[in-house]
């Protein structure tokens, strides 16, 4: 029995690039099996080189934005 937050199958996953869900373009799909049952949990696509570059550039841009934020640090160093 699965907890309600866990689905038995998630379908074909998309990429999250720049805050938007993007349909993969490569057409190369792999399955992610449940190790206990062998049943497929989800399918995921391999990114094209262009999609990988888009993801890295979006992450870099987001990081630059986060660098400008004034967030208090509560950790003792």
C-alpha atoms as a PDB file:
ATOM      1  CA  UNK A   1       0.000   0.000   0.000  1.00  0.00           C
ATOM      2  CA  UNK A   2       1.327   3.412  -0.972  1.00  0.00           C
ATOM      3  CA  UNK A   3       1.002   6.546   1.090  1.00  0.00           C
ATOM      4  CA  UNK A   4      -1.292   9.087  -0.637  1.00  0.00           C
ATOM      5  CA  UNK A   5       1.637  11.318  -1.631  1.00  0.00           C
ATOM      6  CA  UNK A   6       3.197   8.526  -3.686  1.00  0.00           C
ATOM      7  CA  UNK A   7       1.704   7.606  -7.039  1.00  0.00           C
ATOM      8  CA  UNK A   8       2.057   4.126  -8.492  1.00  0.00           C
ATOM      9  CA  UNK A   9       3.025   5.670 -11.834  1.00  0.00           C
ATOM     10  CA  UNK A  10       4.120   9.239 -12.660  1.00  0.00           C
ATOM     11  CA  UNK A  11       3.960   8.987 -16.467  1.00  0.00           C
ATOM     12  CA  UNK A  12       6.454  10.679 -18.737  1.00  0.00           C
ATOM     13  CA  UNK A  13       8.360  13.359 -16.879  1.00  0.00           C
ATOM     14  CA  UNK A  14       9.141  16.822 -18.244  1.00  0.00           C
ATOM     15  CA  UNK A  15      12.134  19.083 -17.658  1.00  0.00           C
ATOM     16  CA  UNK A  16      11.887  22.123 -15.380  1.00  0.00           C
ATOM     17  CA  UNK A  17      13.941  24.816 -17.139  1.00  0.00           C
ATOM     18  CA  UNK A  18      13.787  28.451 -16.126  1.00  0.00           C
ATOM     19  CA  UNK A  19      10.747  27.838 -13.922  1.00  0.00           C
ATOM     20  CA  UNK A  20       8.710  26.267 -16.745  1.00  0.00           C
ATOM     21  CA  UNK A  21       7.885  22.628 -17.466  1.00  0.00           C
ATOM     22  CA  UNK A  22       9.277  21.779 -20.894  1.00  0.00           C
ATOM     23  CA  UNK A  23       8.464  18.753 -23.062  1.00  0.00           C
ATOM     24  CA  UNK A  24      11.690  16.903 -23.912  1.00  0.00           C
ATOM     25  CA  UNK A  25      12.684  16.915 -27.590  1.00  0.00           C
ATOM     26  CA  UNK A  26      15.133  14.007 -27.912  1.00  0.00           C
ATOM     27  CA  UNK A  27      12.631  11.164 -28.183  1.00  0.00           C
ATOM     28  CA  UNK A  28      15.025   8.923 -26.220  1.00  0.00           C
ATOM     29  CA  UNK A  29      13.028   7.622 -23.280  1.00  0.00           C
ATOM     30  CA  UNK A  30      14.106   5.382 -20.408  1.00  0.00           C
ATOM     31  CA  UNK A  31      12.073   3.744 -17.667  1.00  0.00           C
ATOM     32  CA  UNK A  32      12.567   4.082 -13.932  1.00  0.00           C
ATOM     33  CA  UNK A  33      11.551   0.807 -12.267  1.00  0.00           C
ATOM     34  CA  UNK A  34      10.429   0.195  -8.714  1.00  0.00           C
ATOM     35  CA  UNK A  35      13.306  -1.927  -7.327  1.00  0.00           C
ATOM     36  CA  UNK A  36      10.904  -3.974  -5.202  1.00  0.00           C
ATOM     37  CA  UNK A  37       8.478  -4.938  -7.963  1.00  0.00           C
ATOM     38  CA  UNK A  38      10.221  -4.144 -11.243  1.00  0.00           C
ATOM     39  CA  UNK A  39       7.159  -2.174 -12.361  1.00  0.00           C
ATOM     40  CA  UNK A  40       7.765   1.124 -14.120  1.00  0.00           C
ATOM     41  CA  UNK A  41       7.315   4.162 -11.869  1.00  0.00           C
ATOM     42  CA  UNK A  42       7.995   6.799 -14.522  1.00  0.00           C
ATOM     43  CA  UNK A  43       9.537   7.401 -17.903  1.00  0.00           C
ATOM     44  CA  UNK A  44      12.153  10.072 -18.381  1.00  0.00           C
ATOM     45  CA  UNK A  45      13.798  11.458 -21.482  1.00  0.00           C
ATOM     46  CA  UNK A  46      17.429  12.085 -22.164  1.00  0.00           C
ATOM     47  CA  UNK A  47      18.084  15.758 -22.765  1.00  0.00           C
ATOM     48  CA  UNK A  48      19.409  17.020 -26.055  1.00  0.00           C
ATOM     49  CA  UNK A  49      22.617  19.074 -25.883  1.00  0.00           C
ATOM     50  CA  UNK A  50      20.528  22.223 -26.474  1.00  0.00           C
ATOM     51  CA  UNK A  51      18.179  21.348 -23.585  1.00  0.00           C
ATOM     52  CA  UNK A  52      21.142  20.723 -21.299  1.00  0.00           C
ATOM     53  CA  UNK A  53      22.635  24.101 -22.235  1.00  0.00           C
ATOM     54  CA  UNK A  54      19.272  25.817 -21.624  1.00  0.00           C
ATOM     55  CA  UNK A  55      19.033  24.189 -18.193  1.00  0.00           C
ATOM     56  CA  UNK A  56      22.567  25.220 -17.218  1.00  0.00           C
ATOM     57  CA  UNK A  57      22.047  28.783 -18.439  1.00  0.00           C
ATOM     58  CA  UNK A  58      18.732  29.065 -16.547  1.00  0.00           C
ATOM     59  CA  UNK A  59      20.354  27.710 -13.393  1.00  0.00           C
ATOM     60  CA  UNK A  60      23.242  30.162 -13.739  1.00  0.00           C
ATOM     61  CA  UNK A  61      20.811  33.061 -14.178  1.00  0.00           C
ATOM     62  CA  UNK A  62      18.800  31.965 -11.141  1.00  0.00           C
ATOM     63  CA  UNK A  63      22.003  31.675  -9.109  1.00  0.00           C
ATOM     64  CA  UNK A  64      22.996  35.225 -10.043  1.00  0.00           C
ATOM     65  CA  UNK A  65      19.591  36.433  -8.818  1.00  0.00           C
ATOM     66  CA  UNK A  66      19.980  34.548  -5.540  1.00  0.00           C
ATOM     67  CA  UNK A  67      23.417  36.073  -4.996  1.00  0.00           C
ATOM     68  CA  UNK A  68      21.769  39.510  -4.828  1.00  0.00           C
ATOM     69  CA  UNK A  69      19.358  38.490  -2.050  1.00  0.00           C
ATOM     70  CA  UNK A  70      20.046  39.530   1.510  1.00  0.00           C
ATOM     71  CA  UNK A  71      19.246  36.369   3.421  1.00  0.00           C
ATOM     72  CA  UNK A  72      20.274  36.155   7.063  1.00  0.00           C
ATOM     73  CA  UNK A  73      22.394  33.174   7.920  1.00  0.00           C
ATOM     74  CA  UNK A  74      21.498  31.491  11.205  1.00  0.00           C
ATOM     75  CA  UNK A  75      24.275  28.962  11.065  1.00  0.00           C
ATOM     76  CA  UNK A  76      27.226  29.222  13.417  1.00  0.00           C
ATOM     77  CA  UNK A  77      30.496  28.817  11.568  1.00  0.00           C
END
